[in-house]
Amino acid sequence: MSDITQLVIAMVVFFLFDRFLKPYLLRKWLGVVLVVAGAVGCVVAGQTRLLGFDLGLLSVFAVAMGMGLFMKRRRFEQMD
């Protein structure tokens, strides 16, 4: 699978998570898990491919997705 296709898939998944994942704790912990898993994957996976996906590239996307979720974790909370 090409890198552009993987980028598009990762962006669609990020958009869906960002729009429809509303609970604060779920956004927080999923963000933390994605950042940690992505950081470890960047070191361990390298250029490994699994089912046509470049795991090193997906690890970079996981870090970015996790940071986005974590930084905007209070997005859906009510402001009083």
PDB file of N, CA and C in Angstrom:
ATOM      1  N   MET A   1       0.846  -1.168   0.000  1.00  0.00           N
ATOM      2  CA  MET A   1       0.000   0.000   0.000  1.00  0.00           C
ATOM      3  C   MET A   1       0.899   1.241   0.000  1.00  0.00           C
ATOM      4  N   SER A   2       0.515   2.251  -0.752  1.00  0.00           N
ATOM      5  CA  SER A   2       1.362   3.434  -0.863  1.00  0.00           C
ATOM      6  C   SER A   2       1.307   4.280   0.416  1.00  0.00           C
ATOM      7  N   ASP A   3       2.314   5.109   0.578  1.00  0.00           N
ATOM      8  CA  ASP A   3       2.382   5.977   1.752  1.00  0.00           C
ATOM      9  C   ASP A   3       1.238   6.994   1.761  1.00  0.00           C
ATOM     10  N   ILE A   4       0.853   7.458   0.589  1.00  0.00           N
ATOM     11  CA  ILE A   4      -0.248   8.431   0.502  1.00  0.00           C
ATOM     12  C   ILE A   4      -1.551   7.798   0.965  1.00  0.00           C
ATOM     13  N   THR A   5      -1.810   6.565   0.582  1.00  0.00           N
ATOM     14  CA  THR A   5      -3.020   5.867   1.014  1.00  0.00           C
ATOM     15  C   THR A   5      -3.021   5.674   2.525  1.00  0.00           C
ATOM     16  N   GLN A   6      -1.883   5.319   3.082  1.00  0.00           N
ATOM     17  CA  GLN A   6      -1.778   5.166   4.529  1.00  0.00           C
ATOM     18  C   GLN A   6      -1.996   6.491   5.240  1.00  0.00           C
ATOM     19  N   LEU A   7      -1.492   7.586   4.672  1.00  0.00           N
ATOM     20  CA  LEU A   7      -1.696   8.913   5.235  1.00  0.00           C
ATOM     21  C   LEU A   7      -3.177   9.276   5.238  1.00  0.00           C
ATOM     22  N   VAL A   8      -3.861   9.003   4.140  1.00  0.00           N
ATOM     23  CA  VAL A   8      -5.294   9.306   4.050  1.00  0.00           C
ATOM     24  C   VAL A   8      -6.081   8.487   5.062  1.00  0.00           C
ATOM     25  N   ILE A   9      -5.765   7.218   5.200  1.00  0.00           N
ATOM     26  CA  ILE A   9      -6.455   6.361   6.176  1.00  0.00           C
ATOM     27  C   ILE A   9      -6.217   6.876   7.596  1.00  0.00           C
ATOM     28  N   ALA A  10      -4.985   7.239   7.911  1.00  0.00           N
ATOM     29  CA  ALA A  10      -4.673   7.756   9.246  1.00  0.00           C
ATOM     30  C   ALA A  10      -5.403   9.058   9.518  1.00  0.00           C
ATOM     31  N   MET A  11      -5.503   9.939   8.532  1.00  0.00           N
ATOM     32  CA  MET A  11      -6.205  11.206   8.718  1.00  0.00           C
ATOM     33  C   MET A  11      -7.701  10.992   8.911  1.00  0.00           C
ATOM     34  N   VAL A  12      -8.283  10.042   8.203  1.00  0.00           N
ATOM     35  CA  VAL A  12      -9.710   9.742   8.376  1.00  0.00           C
ATOM     36  C   VAL A  12      -9.963   9.178   9.771  1.00  0.00           C
ATOM     37  N   VAL A  13      -9.099   8.274  10.221  1.00  0.00           N
ATOM     38  CA  VAL A  13      -9.250   7.710  11.572  1.00  0.00           C
ATOM     39  C   VAL A  13      -9.107   8.804  12.627  1.00  0.00           C
ATOM     40  N   PHE A  14      -8.135   9.697  12.446  1.00  0.00           N
ATOM     41  CA  PHE A  14      -7.964  10.802  13.389  1.00  0.00           C
ATOM     42  C   PHE A  14      -9.193  11.707  13.402  1.00  0.00           C
ATOM     43  N   PHE A  15      -9.725  12.018  12.240  1.00  0.00           N
ATOM     44  CA  PHE A  15     -10.918  12.863  12.160  1.00  0.00           C
ATOM     45  C   PHE A  15     -12.098  12.208  12.880  1.00  0.00           C
ATOM     46  N   LEU A  16     -12.283  10.903  12.670  1.00  0.00           N
ATOM     47  CA  LEU A  16     -13.384  10.203  13.333  1.00  0.00           C
ATOM     48  C   LEU A  16     -13.202  10.166  14.846  1.00  0.00           C
ATOM     49  N   PHE A  17     -11.986   9.889  15.310  1.00  0.00           N
ATOM     50  CA  PHE A  17     -11.719   9.907  16.749  1.00  0.00           C
ATOM     51  C   PHE A  17     -11.962  11.301  17.323  1.00  0.00           C
ATOM     52  N   ASP A  18     -11.479  12.315  16.638  1.00  0.00           N
ATOM     53  CA  ASP A  18     -11.590  13.676  17.141  1.00  0.00           C
ATOM     54  C   ASP A  18     -13.037  14.151  17.200  1.00  0.00           C
ATOM     55  N   ARG A  19     -13.846  13.742  16.264  1.00  0.00           N
ATOM     56  CA  ARG A  19     -15.247  14.177  16.229  1.00  0.00           C
ATOM     57  C   ARG A  19     -16.163  13.389  17.163  1.00  0.00           C
ATOM     58  N   PHE A  20     -15.984  12.077  17.216  1.00  0.00           N
ATOM     59  CA  PHE A  20     -16.980  11.235  17.877  1.00  0.00           C
ATOM     60  C   PHE A  20     -16.556  10.664  19.218  1.00  0.00           C
ATOM     61  N   LEU A  21     -15.328  10.857  19.620  1.00  0.00           N
ATOM     62  CA  LEU A  21     -14.851  10.384  20.911  1.00  0.00           C
ATOM     63  C   LEU A  21     -14.978  11.533  21.903  1.00  0.00           C
ATOM     64  N   LYS A  22     -16.040  11.517  22.719  1.00  0.00           N
ATOM     65  CA  LYS A  22     -16.357  12.678  23.551  1.00  0.00           C
ATOM     66  C   LYS A  22     -15.975  12.568  25.019  1.00  0.00           C
ATOM     67  N   PRO A  23     -16.024  11.422  25.677  1.00  0.00           N
ATOM     68  CA  PRO A  23     -15.704  11.394  27.114  1.00  0.00           C
ATOM     69  C   PRO A  23     -14.259  11.807  27.401  1.00  0.00           C
ATOM     70  N   TYR A  24     -14.113  12.657  28.411  1.00  0.00           N
ATOM     71  CA  TYR A  24     -12.810  13.216  28.778  1.00  0.00           C
ATOM     72  C   TYR A  24     -11.792  12.121  29.088  1.00  0.00           C
ATOM     73  N   LEU A  25     -12.154  11.178  29.944  1.00  0.00           N
ATOM     74  CA  LEU A  25     -11.189  10.148  30.357  1.00  0.00           C
ATOM     75  C   LEU A  25     -10.771   9.261  29.187  1.00  0.00           C
ATOM     76  N   LEU A  26     -11.708   8.941  28.308  1.00  0.00           N
ATOM     77  CA  LEU A  26     -11.378   8.100  27.160  1.00  0.00           C
ATOM     78  C   LEU A  26     -10.429   8.834  26.213  1.00  0.00           C
ATOM     79  N   ARG A  27     -10.678  10.118  25.959  1.00  0.00           N
ATOM     80  CA  ARG A  27      -9.784  10.904  25.111  1.00  0.00           C
ATOM     81  C   ARG A  27      -8.392  11.013  25.738  1.00  0.00           C
ATOM     82  N   LYS A  28      -8.364  11.229  27.049  1.00  0.00           N
ATOM     83  CA  LYS A  28      -7.092  11.384  27.753  1.00  0.00           C
ATOM     84  C   LYS A  28      -6.259  10.109  27.677  1.00  0.00           C
ATOM     85  N   TRP A  29      -6.849   8.986  28.083  1.00  0.00           N
ATOM     86  CA  TRP A  29      -6.067   7.752  28.151  1.00  0.00           C
ATOM     87  C   TRP A  29      -5.780   7.160  26.784  1.00  0.00           C
ATOM     88  N   LEU A  30      -6.683   7.313  25.830  1.00  0.00           N
ATOM     89  CA  LEU A  30      -6.380   6.849  24.479  1.00  0.00           C
ATOM     90  C   LEU A  30      -5.242   7.684  23.894  1.00  0.00           C
ATOM     91  N   GLY A  31      -5.239   8.982  24.182  1.00  0.00           N
ATOM     92  CA  GLY A  31      -4.138   9.829  23.733  1.00  0.00           C
ATOM     93  C   GLY A  31      -2.811   9.406  24.328  1.00  0.00           C
ATOM     94  N   VAL A  32      -2.799   9.126  25.621  1.00  0.00           N
ATOM     95  CA  VAL A  32      -1.560   8.688  26.285  1.00  0.00           C
ATOM     96  C   VAL A  32      -1.091   7.358  25.706  1.00  0.00           C
ATOM     97  N   VAL A  33      -2.004   6.423  25.527  1.00  0.00           N
ATOM     98  CA  VAL A  33      -1.637   5.105  24.987  1.00  0.00           C
ATOM     99  C   VAL A  33      -1.102   5.231  23.561  1.00  0.00           C
ATOM    100  N   LEU A  34      -1.740   6.063  22.743  1.00  0.00           N
ATOM    101  CA  LEU A  34      -1.266   6.239  21.369  1.00  0.00           C
ATOM    102  C   LEU A  34       0.120   6.883  21.321  1.00  0.00           C
ATOM    103  N   VAL A  35       0.372   7.857  22.181  1.00  0.00           N
ATOM    104  CA  VAL A  35       1.694   8.498  22.198  1.00  0.00           C
ATOM    105  C   VAL A  35       2.772   7.493  22.611  1.00  0.00           C
ATOM    106  N   VAL A  36       2.505   6.745  23.661  1.00  0.00           N
ATOM    107  CA  VAL A  36       3.494   5.761  24.138  1.00  0.00           C
ATOM    108  C   VAL A  36       3.705   4.658  23.102  1.00  0.00           C
ATOM    109  N   ALA A  37       2.603   4.108  22.582  1.00  0.00           N
ATOM    110  CA  ALA A  37       2.719   3.035  21.587  1.00  0.00           C
ATOM    111  C   ALA A  37       3.411   3.541  20.321  1.00  0.00           C
ATOM    112  N   GLY A  38       3.106   4.756  19.914  1.00  0.00           N
ATOM    113  CA  GLY A  38       3.748   5.316  18.735  1.00  0.00           C
ATOM    114  C   GLY A  38       5.228   5.557  18.940  1.00  0.00           C
ATOM    115  N   ALA A  39       5.591   6.062  20.127  1.00  0.00           N
ATOM    116  CA  ALA A  39       7.007   6.299  20.412  1.00  0.00           C
ATOM    117  C   ALA A  39       7.789   4.991  20.436  1.00  0.00           C
ATOM    118  N   VAL A  40       7.221   3.993  21.065  1.00  0.00           N
ATOM    119  CA  VAL A  40       7.885   2.678  21.086  1.00  0.00           C
ATOM    120  C   VAL A  40       7.939   2.093  19.680  1.00  0.00           C
ATOM    121  N   GLY A  41       6.861   2.241  18.937  1.00  0.00           N
ATOM    122  CA  GLY A  41       6.820   1.727  17.568  1.00  0.00           C
ATOM    123  C   GLY A  41       7.817   2.403  16.661  1.00  0.00           C
ATOM    124  N   CYS A  42       8.060   3.693  16.860  1.00  0.00           N
ATOM    125  CA  CYS A  42       9.051   4.396  16.045  1.00  0.00           C
ATOM    126  C   CYS A  42      10.440   3.805  16.228  1.00  0.00           C
ATOM    127  N   VAL A  43      10.744   3.385  17.445  1.00  0.00           N
ATOM    128  CA  VAL A  43      12.063   2.821  17.733  1.00  0.00           C
ATOM    129  C   VAL A  43      12.136   1.362  17.299  1.00  0.00           C
ATOM    130  N   VAL A  44      11.098   0.599  17.587  1.00  0.00           N
ATOM    131  CA  VAL A  44      11.134  -0.847  17.367  1.00  0.00           C
ATOM    132  C   VAL A  44      10.780  -1.241  15.937  1.00  0.00           C
ATOM    133  N   ALA A  45       9.737  -0.635  15.380  1.00  0.00           N
ATOM    134  CA  ALA A  45       9.199  -1.105  14.103  1.00  0.00           C
ATOM    135  C   ALA A  45      10.083  -0.768  12.920  1.00  0.00           C
ATOM    136  N   GLY A  46      10.586   0.447  12.862  1.00  0.00           N
ATOM    137  CA  GLY A  46      11.420   0.828  11.716  1.00  0.00           C
ATOM    138  C   GLY A  46      10.646   0.748  10.418  1.00  0.00           C
ATOM    139  N   GLN A  47      11.144  -0.002   9.453  1.00  0.00           N
ATOM    140  CA  GLN A  47      10.494  -0.145   8.155  1.00  0.00           C
ATOM    141  C   GLN A  47       9.723  -1.453   8.020  1.00  0.00           C
ATOM    142  N   THR A  48       9.297  -2.021   9.124  1.00  0.00           N
ATOM    143  CA  THR A  48       8.558  -3.276   9.107  1.00  0.00           C
ATOM    144  C   THR A  48       7.181  -3.064   8.503  1.00  0.00           C
ATOM    145  N   ARG A  49       6.730  -4.017   7.727  1.00  0.00           N
ATOM    146  CA  ARG A  49       5.397  -3.950   7.117  1.00  0.00           C
ATOM    147  C   ARG A  49       4.544  -5.090   7.647  1.00  0.00           C
ATOM    148  N   LEU A  50       3.269  -4.774   7.906  1.00  0.00           N
ATOM    149  CA  LEU A  50       2.301  -5.768   8.364  1.00  0.00           C
ATOM    150  C   LEU A  50       1.026  -5.555   7.571  1.00  0.00           C
ATOM    151  N   LEU A  51       0.645  -6.553   6.798  1.00  0.00           N
ATOM    152  CA  LEU A  51      -0.540  -6.490   5.943  1.00  0.00           C
ATOM    153  C   LEU A  51      -0.509  -5.280   5.002  1.00  0.00           C
ATOM    154  N   GLY A  52       0.675  -4.918   4.541  1.00  0.00           N
ATOM    155  CA  GLY A  52       0.830  -3.808   3.613  1.00  0.00           C
ATOM    156  C   GLY A  52       0.992  -2.450   4.261  1.00  0.00           C
ATOM    157  N   PHE A  53       0.861  -2.358   5.578  1.00  0.00           N
ATOM    158  CA  PHE A  53       1.013  -1.090   6.287  1.00  0.00           C
ATOM    159  C   PHE A  53       2.429  -0.964   6.817  1.00  0.00           C
ATOM    160  N   ASP A  54       3.037   0.184   6.618  1.00  0.00           N
ATOM    161  CA  ASP A  54       4.362   0.475   7.147  1.00  0.00           C
ATOM    162  C   ASP A  54       4.206   0.845   8.622  1.00  0.00           C
ATOM    163  N   LEU A  55       4.661  -0.006   9.514  1.00  0.00           N
ATOM    164  CA  LEU A  55       4.452   0.210  10.945  1.00  0.00           C
ATOM    165  C   LEU A  55       5.215   1.416  11.476  1.00  0.00           C
ATOM    166  N   GLY A  56       6.351   1.724  10.910  1.00  0.00           N
ATOM    167  CA  GLY A  56       7.088   2.913  11.320  1.00  0.00           C
ATOM    168  C   GLY A  56       6.319   4.183  11.000  1.00  0.00           C
ATOM    169  N   LEU A  57       5.734   4.231   9.824  1.00  0.00           N
ATOM    170  CA  LEU A  57       4.939   5.387   9.420  1.00  0.00           C
ATOM    171  C   LEU A  57       3.676   5.507  10.268  1.00  0.00           C
ATOM    172  N   LEU A  58       3.032   4.395  10.531  1.00  0.00           N
ATOM    173  CA  LEU A  58       1.830   4.420  11.374  1.00  0.00           C
ATOM    174  C   LEU A  58       2.164   4.799  12.812  1.00  0.00           C
ATOM    175  N   SER A  59       3.364   4.477  13.261  1.00  0.00           N
ATOM    176  CA  SER A  59       3.787   4.892  14.601  1.00  0.00           C
ATOM    177  C   SER A  59       3.895   6.402  14.705  1.00  0.00           C
ATOM    178  N   VAL A  60       4.412   7.022  13.673  1.00  0.00           N
ATOM    179  CA  VAL A  60       4.499   8.485  13.653  1.00  0.00           C
ATOM    180  C   VAL A  60       3.099   9.086  13.685  1.00  0.00           C
ATOM    181  N   PHE A  61       2.173   8.521  12.922  1.00  0.00           N
ATOM    182  CA  PHE A  61       0.793   9.004  12.927  1.00  0.00           C
ATOM    183  C   PHE A  61       0.139   8.784  14.284  1.00  0.00           C
ATOM    184  N   ALA A  62       0.475   7.681  14.951  1.00  0.00           N
ATOM    185  CA  ALA A  62      -0.099   7.404  16.271  1.00  0.00           C
ATOM    186  C   ALA A  62       0.349   8.447  17.291  1.00  0.00           C
ATOM    187  N   VAL A  63       1.598   8.862  17.222  1.00  0.00           N
ATOM    188  CA  VAL A  63       2.078   9.905  18.137  1.00  0.00           C
ATOM    189  C   VAL A  63       1.321  11.197  17.894  1.00  0.00           C
ATOM    190  N   ALA A  64       1.170  11.580  16.640  1.00  0.00           N
ATOM    191  CA  ALA A  64       0.457  12.820  16.313  1.00  0.00           C
ATOM    192  C   ALA A  64      -1.017  12.730  16.721  1.00  0.00           C
ATOM    193  N   MET A  65      -1.650  11.593  16.477  1.00  0.00           N
ATOM    194  CA  MET A  65      -3.048  11.413  16.841  1.00  0.00           C
ATOM    195  C   MET A  65      -3.221  11.443  18.354  1.00  0.00           C
ATOM    196  N   GLY A  66      -2.334  10.793  19.071  1.00  0.00           N
ATOM    197  CA  GLY A  66      -2.398  10.785  20.526  1.00  0.00           C
ATOM    198  C   GLY A  66      -2.205  12.169  21.115  1.00  0.00           C
ATOM    199  N   MET A  67      -1.279  12.935  20.570  1.00  0.00           N
ATOM    200  CA  MET A  67      -1.064  14.300  21.051  1.00  0.00           C
ATOM    201  C   MET A  67      -2.285  15.171  20.776  1.00  0.00           C
ATOM    202  N   GLY A  68      -2.898  14.981  19.624  1.00  0.00           N
ATOM    203  CA  GLY A  68      -4.098  15.747  19.304  1.00  0.00           C
ATOM    204  C   GLY A  68      -5.237  15.440  20.252  1.00  0.00           C
ATOM    205  N   LEU A  69      -5.439  14.165  20.549  1.00  0.00           N
ATOM    206  CA  LEU A  69      -6.502  13.788  21.482  1.00  0.00           C
ATOM    207  C   LEU A  69      -6.203  14.289  22.885  1.00  0.00           C
ATOM    208  N   PHE A  70      -4.955  14.157  23.302  1.00  0.00           N
ATOM    209  CA  PHE A  70      -4.601  14.561  24.656  1.00  0.00           C
ATOM    210  C   PHE A  70      -4.684  16.082  24.832  1.00  0.00           C
ATOM    211  N   MET A  71      -4.223  16.826  23.857  1.00  0.00           N
ATOM    212  CA  MET A  71      -4.227  18.284  23.974  1.00  0.00           C
ATOM    213  C   MET A  71      -5.644  18.860  23.936  1.00  0.00           C
ATOM    214  N   LYS A  72      -6.551  18.204  23.234  1.00  0.00           N
ATOM    215  CA  LYS A  72      -7.934  18.686  23.164  1.00  0.00           C
ATOM    216  C   LYS A  72      -8.875  17.775  23.947  1.00  0.00           C
ATOM    217  N   ARG A  73      -8.417  17.247  25.075  1.00  0.00           N
ATOM    218  CA  ARG A  73      -9.194  16.273  25.823  1.00  0.00           C
ATOM    219  C   ARG A  73     -10.434  16.871  26.476  1.00  0.00           C
ATOM    220  N   ARG A  74     -10.447  18.149  26.767  1.00  0.00           N
ATOM    221  CA  ARG A  74     -11.595  18.793  27.409  1.00  0.00           C
ATOM    222  C   ARG A  74     -12.504  19.513  26.407  1.00  0.00           C
ATOM    223  N   ARG A  75     -12.396  19.154  25.170  1.00  0.00           N
ATOM    224  CA  ARG A  75     -13.118  19.832  24.098  1.00  0.00           C
ATOM    225  C   ARG A  75     -14.631  19.784  24.272  1.00  0.00           C
ATOM    226  N   PHE A  76     -15.171  18.692  24.747  1.00  0.00           N
ATOM    227  CA  PHE A  76     -16.612  18.514  24.829  1.00  0.00           C
ATOM    228  C   PHE A  76     -17.187  18.743  26.224  1.00  0.00           C
ATOM    229  N   GLU A  77     -16.365  19.203  27.173  1.00  0.00           N
ATOM    230  CA  GLU A  77     -16.872  19.461  28.510  1.00  0.00           C
ATOM    231  C   GLU A  77     -17.628  20.778  28.533  1.00  0.00           C
ATOM    232  N   GLN A  78     -18.634  20.843  29.391  1.00  0.00           N
ATOM    233  CA  GLN A  78     -19.448  22.050  29.525  1.00  0.00           C
ATOM    234  C   GLN A  78     -18.672  23.109  30.298  1.00  0.00           C
ATOM    235  N   MET A  79     -18.703  24.333  29.809  1.00  0.00           N
ATOM    236  CA  MET A  79     -18.095  25.452  30.524  1.00  0.00           C
ATOM    237  C   MET A  79     -19.162  26.140  31.356  1.00  0.00           C
ATOM    238  N   ASP A  80     -18.930  26.279  32.649  1.00  0.00           N
ATOM    239  CA  ASP A  80     -19.919  26.924  33.528  1.00  0.00           C
ATOM    240  C   ASP A  80     -19.561  28.356  33.798  1.00  0.00           C
TER     241      ASP A  80
END
